[in-house]
C-alpha atoms as a PDB file:
ATOM      1  CA  ILE A   1     137.958 107.799  81.337  1.00  0.00           C
ATOM      2  CA  PRO A   2     138.993 105.535  78.458  1.00  0.00           C
ATOM      3  CA  ASP A   3     136.580 105.896  75.545  1.00  0.00           C
ATOM      4  CA  PRO A   4     135.045 102.495  74.621  1.00  0.00           C
ATOM      5  CA  LEU A   5     133.724 103.902  71.340  1.00  0.00           C
ATOM      6  CA  ARG A   6     137.007 105.116  69.888  1.00  0.00           C
ATOM      7  CA  GLU A   7     138.542 103.160  67.032  1.00  0.00           C
ATOM      8  CA  ALA A   8     140.594 100.755  69.130  1.00  0.00           C
ATOM      9  CA  GLY A   9     138.049 100.564  71.940  1.00  0.00           C
ATOM     10  CA  SER A  10     138.502 100.083  75.683  1.00  0.00           C
ATOM     11  CA  LEU A  11     138.216  97.146  78.032  1.00  0.00           C
ATOM     12  CA  ALA A  12     136.518  97.088  81.412  1.00  0.00           C
ATOM     13  CA  PHE A  13     137.702  94.282  83.659  1.00  0.00           C
ATOM     14  CA  ALA A  14     137.741  93.072  87.255  1.00  0.00           C
ATOM     15  CA  LEU A  15     141.050  93.004  89.129  1.00  0.00           C
ATOM     16  CA  ARG A  16     141.670  91.505  92.568  1.00  0.00           C
ATOM     17  CA  GLU A  17     144.201  93.482  94.581  1.00  0.00           C
ATOM     18  CA  ASN A  18     144.931  93.149  98.316  1.00  0.00           C
ATOM     19  CA  GLY A  19     141.948  90.841  98.751  1.00  0.00           C
ATOM     20  CA  GLN A  20     139.540  93.272  97.063  1.00  0.00           C
ATOM     21  CA  GLU A  21     138.032  92.981  93.577  1.00  0.00           C
ATOM     22  CA  ASP A  22     137.279  96.209  91.703  1.00  0.00           C
ATOM     23  CA  ILE A  23     136.368  97.402  88.213  1.00  0.00           C
ATOM     24  CA  TRP A  24     139.112  98.924  86.064  1.00  0.00           C
ATOM     25  CA  ALA A  25     139.250 100.163  82.465  1.00  0.00           C
ATOM     26  CA  ILE A  26     142.033 100.498  79.907  1.00  0.00           C
ATOM     27  CA  SER A  27     142.164 101.731  76.336  1.00  0.00           C
ATOM     28  CA  VAL A  28     143.404  99.153  73.855  1.00  0.00           C
ATOM     29  CA  GLY A  29     147.072  99.766  73.086  1.00  0.00           C
ATOM     30  CA  GLU A  30     147.783 101.634  76.319  1.00  0.00           C
ATOM     31  CA  SER A  31     149.508 100.302  79.418  1.00  0.00           C
ATOM     32  CA  GLY A  32     147.971 102.354  82.233  1.00  0.00           C
ATOM     33  CA  PRO A  33     144.577 101.151  83.553  1.00  0.00           C
ATOM     34  CA  LEU A  34     142.169 103.410  85.422  1.00  0.00           C
ATOM     35  CA  ARG A  35     140.384 102.269  88.578  1.00  0.00           C
ATOM     36  CA  LEU A  36     136.627 102.858  88.369  1.00  0.00           C
ATOM     37  CA  THR A  37     135.414 101.413  91.707  1.00  0.00           C
ATOM     38  CA  ASN A  38     137.039 101.311  95.126  1.00  0.00           C
ATOM     39  CA  SER A  39     134.492  99.812  97.496  1.00  0.00           C
ATOM     40  CA  PRO A  40     135.592  97.638 100.434  1.00  0.00           C
ATOM     41  CA  ALA A  41     133.280  95.019  98.899  1.00  0.00           C
ATOM     42  CA  ASP A  42     133.845  93.205  95.598  1.00  0.00           C
ATOM     43  CA  GLU A  43     132.783  94.306  92.107  1.00  0.00           C
ATOM     44  CA  ARG A  44     132.995  92.075  89.034  1.00  0.00           C
ATOM     45  CA  ASP A  45     131.364  91.171  85.683  1.00  0.00           C
ATOM     46  CA  PRO A  46     131.649  94.648  84.092  1.00  0.00           C
ATOM     47  CA  ALA A  47     129.799  95.257  80.817  1.00  0.00           C
ATOM     48  CA  TRP A  48     129.894  98.452  78.732  1.00  0.00           C
ATOM     49  CA  SER A  49     126.568  99.865  77.583  1.00  0.00           C
ATOM     50  CA  PRO A  50     126.275 100.056  73.770  1.00  0.00           C
ATOM     51  CA  ASP A  51     126.664 103.860  73.814  1.00  0.00           C
ATOM     52  CA  GLY A  52     129.690 103.750  76.116  1.00  0.00           C
ATOM     53  CA  THR A  53     128.137 105.930  78.830  1.00  0.00           C
ATOM     54  CA  ARG A  54     127.505 103.268  81.484  1.00  0.00           C
ATOM     55  CA  ILE A  55     128.985 100.097  82.913  1.00  0.00           C
ATOM     56  CA  ALA A  56     126.784  97.423  84.450  1.00  0.00           C
ATOM     57  CA  PHE A  57     128.418  95.177  87.038  1.00  0.00           C
ATOM     58  CA  ALA A  58     127.737  92.860  89.957  1.00  0.00           C
ATOM     59  CA  SER A  59     128.690  93.668  93.541  1.00  0.00           C
ATOM     60  CA  ASN A  60     128.119  92.382  97.060  1.00  0.00           C
ATOM     61  CA  ARG A  61     128.483  95.862  98.583  1.00  0.00           C
ATOM     62  CA  ASP A  62     124.992  95.648 100.101  1.00  0.00           C
ATOM     63  CA  GLY A  63     125.346  92.108 101.434  1.00  0.00           C
ATOM     64  CA  ASN A  64     124.354  89.753  98.620  1.00  0.00           C
ATOM     65  CA  TRP A  65     125.250  89.926  94.930  1.00  0.00           C
ATOM     66  CA  GLU A  66     123.167  92.530  93.090  1.00  0.00           C
ATOM     67  CA  LEU A  67     123.477  94.457  89.804  1.00  0.00           C
ATOM     68  CA  TYR A  68     124.621  98.079  89.678  1.00  0.00           C
ATOM     69  CA  ILE A  69     125.157 100.681  86.961  1.00  0.00           C
ATOM     70  CA  LEU A  70     128.070 103.124  86.911  1.00  0.00           C
ATOM     71  CA  SER A  71     127.622 106.393  85.023  1.00  0.00           C
ATOM     72  CA  ILE A  72     130.931 107.158  83.317  1.00  0.00           C
ATOM     73  CA  GLU A  73     130.207 110.898  83.092  1.00  0.00           C
ATOM     74  CA  THR A  74     129.252 111.447  86.738  1.00  0.00           C
ATOM     75  CA  GLY A  75     130.824 108.476  88.514  1.00  0.00           C
ATOM     76  CA  ILE A  76     127.498 107.824  90.251  1.00  0.00           C
ATOM     77  CA  ILE A  77     126.688 104.183  90.993  1.00  0.00           C
ATOM     78  CA  THR A  78     123.017 103.164  91.055  1.00  0.00           C
ATOM     79  CA  ARG A  79     121.673  99.881  92.359  1.00  0.00           C
ATOM     80  CA  LEU A  80     119.451  98.097  89.828  1.00  0.00           C
ATOM     81  CA  THR A  81     118.222  94.886  91.513  1.00  0.00           C
ATOM     82  CA  TYR A  82     116.806  94.267  94.989  1.00  0.00           C
ATOM     83  CA  THR A  83     116.431  90.572  95.792  1.00  0.00           C
ATOM     84  CA  PRO A  84     117.584  88.224  98.587  1.00  0.00           C
ATOM     85  CA  GLY A  85     119.114  85.931  95.963  1.00  0.00           C
ATOM     86  CA  PHE A  86     122.040  86.313  93.565  1.00  0.00           C
ATOM     87  CA  GLU A  87     122.504  88.344  90.371  1.00  0.00           C
ATOM     88  CA  GLY A  88     125.568  88.449  88.107  1.00  0.00           C
ATOM     89  CA  ALA A  89     127.015  88.411  84.583  1.00  0.00           C
ATOM     90  CA  PRO A  90     124.960  91.269  83.060  1.00  0.00           C
ATOM     91  CA  THR A  91     124.769  91.745  79.285  1.00  0.00           C
ATOM     92  CA  TRP A  92     123.160  94.715  77.499  1.00  0.00           C
ATOM     93  CA  SER A  93     120.498  94.619  74.826  1.00  0.00           C
ATOM     94  CA  PRO A  94     121.787  96.307  71.633  1.00  0.00           C
ATOM     95  CA  ASP A  95     119.597  99.379  72.243  1.00  0.00           C
ATOM     96  CA  GLY A  96     120.777  99.697  75.851  1.00  0.00           C
ATOM     97  CA  ALA A  97     117.231  99.548  77.212  1.00  0.00           C
ATOM     98  CA  TYR A  98     117.543  96.195  78.998  1.00  0.00           C
ATOM     99  CA  LEU A  99     119.988  93.909  80.757  1.00  0.00           C
ATOM    100  CA  ALA A 100     119.940  90.130  80.767  1.00  0.00           C
ATOM    101  CA  TYR A 101     121.710  88.390  83.630  1.00  0.00           C
ATOM    102  CA  GLU A 102     122.062  85.156  85.574  1.00  0.00           C
ATOM    103  CA  GLY A 103     120.153  84.975  88.827  1.00  0.00           C
ATOM    104  CA  TYR A 104     119.469  82.510  91.636  1.00  0.00           C
ATOM    105  CA  ALA A 105     116.162  82.680  93.503  1.00  0.00           C
ATOM    106  CA  ASN A 106     115.317  80.801  96.686  1.00  0.00           C
ATOM    107  CA  GLU A 107     111.865  80.032  95.274  1.00  0.00           C
ATOM    108  CA  THR A 108     113.228  78.178  92.239  1.00  0.00           C
ATOM    109  CA  GLN A 109     116.450  76.814  93.775  1.00  0.00           C
ATOM    110  CA  ASP A 110     118.025  77.212  90.334  1.00  0.00           C
ATOM    111  CA  LEU A 111     120.154  79.562  88.261  1.00  0.00           C
ATOM    112  CA  ASP A 112     118.096  81.118  85.470  1.00  0.00           C
ATOM    113  CA  LEU A 113     118.315  84.014  83.022  1.00  0.00           C
ATOM    114  CA  TYR A 114     116.394  87.182  83.756  1.00  0.00           C
ATOM    115  CA  ILE A 115     115.748  90.406  81.835  1.00  0.00           C
ATOM    116  CA  ILE A 116     115.321  93.792  83.507  1.00  0.00           C
ATOM    117  CA  SER A 117     115.103  97.423  82.404  1.00  0.00           C
ATOM    118  CA  SER A 118     118.381  99.337  82.584  1.00  0.00           C
ATOM    119  CA  ASP A 119     116.416 102.342  83.893  1.00  0.00           C
ATOM    120  CA  PRO A 120     116.593 101.991  87.705  1.00  0.00           C
ATOM    121  CA  ALA A 121     113.185 103.631  88.236  1.00  0.00           C
ATOM    122  CA  ARG A 122     111.496 101.391  85.687  1.00  0.00           C
ATOM    123  CA  ALA A 123     113.359  98.339  87.017  1.00  0.00           C
ATOM    124  CA  ALA A 124     112.094  99.059  90.529  1.00  0.00           C
ATOM    125  CA  ASP A 125     108.540  99.456  89.236  1.00  0.00           C
ATOM    126  CA  GLU A 126     108.394  96.482  86.847  1.00  0.00           C
ATOM    127  CA  GLY A 127     110.905  94.063  88.352  1.00  0.00           C
ATOM    128  CA  ALA A 128     112.646  91.384  86.301  1.00  0.00           C
ATOM    129  CA  PHE A 129     111.264  88.944  83.736  1.00  0.00           C
ATOM    130  CA  ARG A 130     112.372  85.327  84.095  1.00  0.00           C
ATOM    131  CA  ALA A 131     113.553  84.284  80.632  1.00  0.00           C
ATOM    132  CA  THR A 132     114.455  80.644  81.341  1.00  0.00           C
ATOM    133  CA  ALA A 133     112.696  78.061  83.493  1.00  0.00           C
ATOM    134  CA  THR A 134     114.041  74.680  82.330  1.00  0.00           C
ATOM    135  CA  PRO A 135     115.718  72.772  85.212  1.00  0.00           C
ATOM    136  CA  GLY A 136     119.501  73.086  85.278  1.00  0.00           C
ATOM    137  CA  PRO A 137     121.794  76.097  85.764  1.00  0.00           C
ATOM    138  CA  ASP A 138     121.582  78.750  83.008  1.00  0.00           C
ATOM    139  CA  THR A 139     124.483  81.209  83.159  1.00  0.00           C
ATOM    140  CA  GLU A 140     126.726  83.649  81.261  1.00  0.00           C
ATOM    141  CA  PRO A 141     124.220  85.279  78.865  1.00  0.00           C
ATOM    142  CA  ASP A 142     125.414  87.271  75.854  1.00  0.00           C
ATOM    143  CA  TRP A 143     122.803  89.333  73.993  1.00  0.00           C
ATOM    144  CA  GLY A 144     122.981  88.972  70.213  1.00  0.00           C
ATOM    145  CA  PRO A 145     123.332  92.024  67.940  1.00  0.00           C
ATOM    146  CA  ASP A 146     119.856  91.540  66.426  1.00  0.00           C
ATOM    147  CA  GLY A 147     118.320  92.102  69.859  1.00  0.00           C
ATOM    148  CA  ARG A 148     116.133  88.987  69.651  1.00  0.00           C
ATOM    149  CA  HIS A 149     118.549  86.195  70.604  1.00  0.00           C
ATOM    150  CA  ILE A 150     120.598  85.466  73.715  1.00  0.00           C
ATOM    151  CA  ALA A 151     123.422  82.910  73.819  1.00  0.00           C
ATOM    152  CA  PHE A 152     124.095  81.319  77.192  1.00  0.00           C
ATOM    153  CA  THR A 153     125.726  78.423  79.003  1.00  0.00           C
ATOM    154  CA  THR A 154     123.452  75.757  80.450  1.00  0.00           C
ATOM    155  CA  TRP A 155     123.729  72.387  82.195  1.00  0.00           C
ATOM    156  CA  ARG A 156     120.204  71.306  81.202  1.00  0.00           C
ATOM    157  CA  SER A 157     121.594  68.579  78.922  1.00  0.00           C
ATOM    158  CA  GLY A 158     123.844  67.114  81.619  1.00  0.00           C
ATOM    159  CA  ASN A 159     127.042  69.042  80.866  1.00  0.00           C
ATOM    160  CA  PRO A 160     127.806  72.678  79.936  1.00  0.00           C
ATOM    161  CA  ASP A 161     126.671  73.508  76.392  1.00  0.00           C
ATOM    162  CA  ILE A 162     126.055  76.744  74.527  1.00  0.00           C
ATOM    163  CA  TYR A 163     122.370  77.330  73.779  1.00  0.00           C
ATOM    164  CA  ILE A 164     120.631  80.128  71.876  1.00  0.00           C
ATOM    165  CA  LEU A 165     117.380  81.536  73.217  1.00  0.00           C
ATOM    166  CA  ASN A 166     114.965  83.100  70.711  1.00  0.00           C
ATOM    167  CA  LEU A 167     113.064  85.865  72.519  1.00  0.00           C
ATOM    168  CA  ASP A 168     110.292  85.674  69.909  1.00  0.00           C
ATOM    169  CA  SER A 169     109.648  81.945  70.383  1.00  0.00           C
ATOM    170  CA  ASP A 170     106.210  80.979  71.695  1.00  0.00           C
ATOM    171  CA  GLY A 171     107.725  77.889  73.288  1.00  0.00           C
ATOM    172  CA  GLY A 172     109.875  79.818  75.749  1.00  0.00           C
ATOM    173  CA  ASP A 173     113.324  78.591  76.683  1.00  0.00           C
ATOM    174  CA  GLY A 174     112.227  74.982  76.252  1.00  0.00           C
ATOM    175  CA  ARG A 175     112.739  75.546  72.519  1.00  0.00           C
ATOM    176  CA  ALA A 176     116.200  77.057  72.890  1.00  0.00           C
ATOM    177  CA  VAL A 177     118.664  75.653  70.356  1.00  0.00           C
ATOM    178  CA  ASN A 178     121.682  73.634  71.499  1.00  0.00           C
ATOM    179  CA  LEU A 179     124.495  75.153  69.425  1.00  0.00           C
ATOM    180  CA  THR A 180     127.353  72.930  70.592  1.00  0.00           C
ATOM    181  CA  ASN A 181     125.567  69.689  71.601  1.00  0.00           C
ATOM    182  CA  THR A 182     128.695  67.838  72.738  1.00  0.00           C
ATOM    183  CA  PRO A 183     128.089  65.458  75.694  1.00  0.00           C
ATOM    184  CA  ASP A 184     131.837  64.799  76.066  1.00  0.00           C
ATOM    185  CA  ILE A 185     133.017  68.449  75.845  1.00  0.00           C
ATOM    186  CA  ASP A 186     132.246  71.324  78.223  1.00  0.00           C
ATOM    187  CA  GLU A 187     131.657  74.755  76.642  1.00  0.00           C
ATOM    188  CA  ASP A 188     131.045  78.151  78.245  1.00  0.00           C
ATOM    189  CA  PHE A 189     131.459  81.949  77.908  1.00  0.00           C
ATOM    190  CA  ALA A 190     129.641  82.490  74.608  1.00  0.00           C
ATOM    191  CA  ALA A 191     130.281  85.761  72.739  1.00  0.00           C
ATOM    192  CA  TRP A 192     128.540  86.903  69.550  1.00  0.00           C
ATOM    193  CA  SER A 193     130.403  88.343  66.573  1.00  0.00           C
ATOM    194  CA  HIS A 194     129.303  91.878  65.673  1.00  0.00           C
ATOM    195  CA  ASP A 195     127.460  90.654  62.560  1.00  0.00           C
ATOM    196  CA  GLY A 196     125.647  87.942  64.499  1.00  0.00           C
ATOM    197  CA  LEU A 197     126.794  85.162  62.180  1.00  0.00           C
ATOM    198  CA  THR A 198     129.193  83.363  64.527  1.00  0.00           C
ATOM    199  CA  ILE A 199     129.593  82.722  68.244  1.00  0.00           C
ATOM    200  CA  GLY A 200     132.907  82.341  70.017  1.00  0.00           C
ATOM    201  CA  TYR A 201     133.202  80.327  73.229  1.00  0.00           C
ATOM    202  CA  THR A 202     135.672  78.425  75.371  1.00  0.00           C
ATOM    203  CA  ALA A 203     135.789  74.625  75.443  1.00  0.00           C
ATOM    204  CA  THR A 204     137.891  72.046  77.227  1.00  0.00           C
ATOM    205  CA  VAL A 205     138.943  69.358  74.749  1.00  0.00           C
ATOM    206  CA  ASN A 206     141.186  66.490  75.868  1.00  0.00           C
ATOM    207  CA  GLY A 207     141.991  68.424  79.029  1.00  0.00           C
ATOM    208  CA  VAL A 208     143.069  71.574  77.183  1.00  0.00           C
ATOM    209  CA  GLU A 209     140.952  74.738  77.291  1.00  0.00           C
ATOM    210  CA  GLY A 210     140.787  76.706  74.046  1.00  0.00           C
ATOM    211  CA  VAL A 211     138.725  79.303  72.181  1.00  0.00           C
ATOM    212  CA  TYR A 212     136.448  78.125  69.383  1.00  0.00           C
ATOM    213  CA  VAL A 213     134.145  79.781  66.848  1.00  0.00           C
ATOM    214  CA  LYS A 214     131.008  78.262  65.356  1.00  0.00           C
ATOM    215  CA  PRO A 215     128.439  79.547  62.839  1.00  0.00           C
END
């Protein structure tokens, strides 16, 4: 298995082949990827755990889209969520204890961010915590390196913007900060720098999609 913690690192990615989407991994600088899943269903949204021992991903192998965790050492795949809705786009907390993800629930009729333990037994016992409740789709979370902030894409302002949720805020997600705040530009796919000082994201400007960085 490619080692995500070595100097150059490794990438986990989803690849569609013969009508089937699976999780693969490749070490940076090498040309031969390794297939990690081979289910007749689809797997996508892979995310390495901070210690490089697990990969969280989304799959519809049990009917609807749920979250799963792959143990790199054993190859065992464990289901993490059990809902009739939709779960996807997992991101790990820096200590590896939790996952944030986007989820759709029939009760809310909305896409929101949720947080759940990465321990399957604890997740089954405690369930997930709903981290956002403001109307409008909230998607694509990325957990910041300080462990207390999550960047995400949201349509709550009328078009896709990058917001930052402070997990210590008493006001909940209603006090999340609009980082981009551009009514005429659509931004998505936020990613924190390792020092937490900047956020990269994609934006479509004048019809051209590019990558941007903002403090």
